[in-house]
Amino acid sequence: QVHLVESGGGSVQAGGSLRLSCLVTDYPASGNCLGWFRQAPGKEREGVAVIYTDGKGTNKQKDYYVESVRGRFNISRDIDKNILSLEMHSLKPEDTATYYCAAKTTGWVCRYSEFEYFGQGTQVTVSS
């Protein structure tokens, strides 16, 4: 059972920045996909960013983002500290949502629909 605990949410004005953190525990060494999702009021939860290794033996970490945040958000992982982070810049009111840290424990492909574990979420509110 993977445990995920988010922190770092809050309220900010449009154009501001926030950094979310997630403590990831009991994540298996074979796991390859960690990510962030968000859910705005009245909307479905959507995948925001994923970090993974390419599975080619280099252990180089790669990432990808939903188009709406590309160039503004950055996902990173500190393996030694078991911390997954999401840096968010140039925030917009439409980024307002509850943000969830997530983990997928099997397989090399990181489809948003296959993430199995989610944290409790942290609220991000962006005012105009």
Protein backbone atom coordinates (compact mmCIF):
# COMPACT_ATOMS: atom_id res chain seq x y z
CA GLN A 1 0.00 0.00 0.00
CA VAL A 2 1.54 3.29 -1.13
CA HIS A 3 1.00 6.30 1.11
CA LEU A 4 0.91 9.82 -0.28
CA VAL A 5 0.63 13.03 1.76
CA GLU A 6 0.47 16.40 0.01
CA SER A 7 1.35 19.80 1.40
CA GLY A 8 1.99 23.31 0.13
CA GLY A 9 -1.38 24.39 -1.21
CA GLY A 10 -2.80 27.82 -0.54
CA SER A 11 -4.20 30.98 -2.04
CA VAL A 12 -2.33 33.17 -4.48
CA GLN A 13 -3.09 35.93 -6.95
CA ALA A 14 -2.97 35.34 -10.66
CA GLY A 15 0.60 35.38 -11.90
CA GLY A 16 1.95 34.04 -8.63
CA SER A 17 3.71 30.82 -7.79
CA LEU A 18 3.25 27.88 -5.45
CA ARG A 19 5.19 24.72 -4.74
CA LEU A 20 3.40 21.53 -3.80
CA SER A 21 5.15 18.65 -2.08
CA CYS A 22 4.16 15.05 -1.57
CA LEU A 23 5.74 12.59 0.83
CA VAL A 24 5.70 9.19 -0.85
CA THR A 25 6.15 6.14 1.35
CA ASP A 26 6.06 2.40 0.69
CA TYR A 27 6.51 2.98 -3.04
CA PRO A 28 7.98 -0.19 -4.51
CA ALA A 29 11.40 -0.09 -6.13
CA SER A 30 9.80 -1.50 -9.27
CA GLY A 31 7.41 1.42 -9.52
CA ASN A 32 7.98 3.87 -12.37
CA CYS A 33 5.21 6.44 -12.44
CA LEU A 34 4.48 9.29 -10.07
CA GLY A 35 2.27 12.21 -10.91
CA TRP A 36 -0.02 15.05 -10.01
CA PHE A 37 -3.73 15.31 -10.73
CA ARG A 38 -6.24 18.03 -10.00
CA GLN A 39 -9.97 18.38 -9.67
CA ALA A 40 -11.81 21.65 -9.98
CA PRO A 41 -15.34 22.10 -8.60
CA GLY A 42 -17.88 20.50 -10.89
CA LYS A 43 -15.22 18.93 -13.11
CA GLU A 44 -13.63 15.52 -13.42
CA ARG A 45 -10.20 14.85 -12.04
CA GLU A 46 -7.50 15.36 -14.69
CA GLY A 47 -3.88 14.39 -14.95
CA VAL A 48 -1.52 17.36 -14.75
CA ALA A 49 2.03 16.00 -14.79
CA VAL A 50 3.92 12.72 -14.65
CA ILE A 51 7.53 11.86 -13.90
CA TYR A 52 9.02 8.51 -14.91
CA THR A 53 12.16 6.79 -16.11
CA ASP A 54 12.49 5.77 -19.71
CA GLY A 55 13.18 2.11 -18.97
CA LYS A 56 16.26 2.03 -21.16
CA GLY A 57 18.69 1.33 -18.34
CA THR A 58 19.83 4.92 -17.83
CA ASN A 59 17.36 5.72 -15.03
CA LYS A 60 17.06 9.16 -16.55
CA GLN A 61 13.91 10.84 -15.36
CA LYS A 62 11.52 12.28 -17.87
CA ASP A 63 8.29 14.18 -17.52
CA TYR A 64 5.23 15.27 -19.42
CA TYR A 65 2.40 17.68 -18.78
CA VAL A 66 -1.13 18.42 -19.77
CA GLU A 67 -1.08 21.13 -22.40
CA SER A 68 -2.75 23.74 -20.21
CA VAL A 69 0.18 23.80 -17.76
CA ARG A 70 3.11 23.06 -20.04
CA GLY A 71 5.83 25.67 -19.63
CA ARG A 72 4.40 26.89 -16.31
CA PHE A 73 4.57 23.79 -14.09
CA ASN A 74 7.55 21.59 -13.29
CA ILE A 75 7.42 18.18 -11.66
CA SER A 76 10.42 16.77 -9.83
CA ARG A 77 11.30 13.89 -7.57
CA ASP A 78 13.84 13.60 -4.76
CA ILE A 79 14.30 9.87 -4.52
CA ASP A 80 16.48 9.99 -1.40
CA LYS A 81 13.90 12.04 0.54
CA ASN A 82 10.84 10.32 -0.96
CA ILE A 83 9.47 13.71 -2.02
CA LEU A 84 7.52 14.44 -5.17
CA SER A 85 7.16 18.14 -5.98
CA LEU A 86 5.18 20.34 -8.34
CA GLU A 87 6.38 23.88 -8.94
CA MET A 88 3.65 26.08 -10.36
CA HIS A 89 4.35 29.47 -11.91
CA SER A 90 2.28 32.08 -13.72
CA LEU A 91 -0.79 30.69 -12.03
CA LYS A 92 -4.18 31.42 -13.51
CA PRO A 93 -7.66 31.37 -11.95
CA GLU A 94 -8.41 28.26 -14.00
CA ASP A 95 -5.66 26.44 -12.10
CA THR A 96 -7.86 26.59 -9.01
CA ALA A 97 -8.46 23.00 -7.90
CA THR A 98 -7.66 20.36 -5.36
CA TYR A 99 -4.33 18.86 -6.31
CA TYR A 100 -3.56 15.19 -5.71
CA CYS A 101 -0.29 13.34 -5.66
CA ALA A 102 -0.59 9.94 -7.34
CA ALA A 103 1.34 6.73 -7.90
CA LYS A 104 1.25 3.82 -10.30
CA THR A 105 3.14 0.78 -9.12
CA THR A 106 3.32 -1.54 -12.13
CA GLY A 107 4.36 -1.26 -15.75
CA TRP A 108 6.56 1.17 -17.64
CA VAL A 109 3.82 3.11 -19.40
CA CYS A 110 2.32 5.90 -17.33
CA ARG A 111 -1.22 6.40 -18.52
CA TYR A 112 -3.20 8.80 -16.36
CA SER A 113 -6.08 6.33 -16.25
CA GLU A 114 -3.91 3.64 -14.66
CA PHE A 115 -2.75 5.47 -11.54
CA GLU A 116 -3.79 3.44 -8.52
CA TYR A 117 -3.02 5.48 -5.42
CA PHE A 118 -3.93 9.06 -4.57
CA GLY A 119 -3.29 11.32 -1.62
CA GLN A 120 -5.95 13.28 0.22
CA GLY A 121 -5.32 16.41 -1.81
CA THR A 122 -4.30 19.99 -1.17
CA GLN A 123 -6.29 23.03 -2.21
CA VAL A 124 -4.90 25.63 -4.59
CA THR A 125 -6.90 28.81 -5.11
CA VAL A 126 -5.87 31.44 -7.64
CA SER A 127 -7.67 34.76 -7.55
CA SER A 128 -7.84 37.23 -10.42
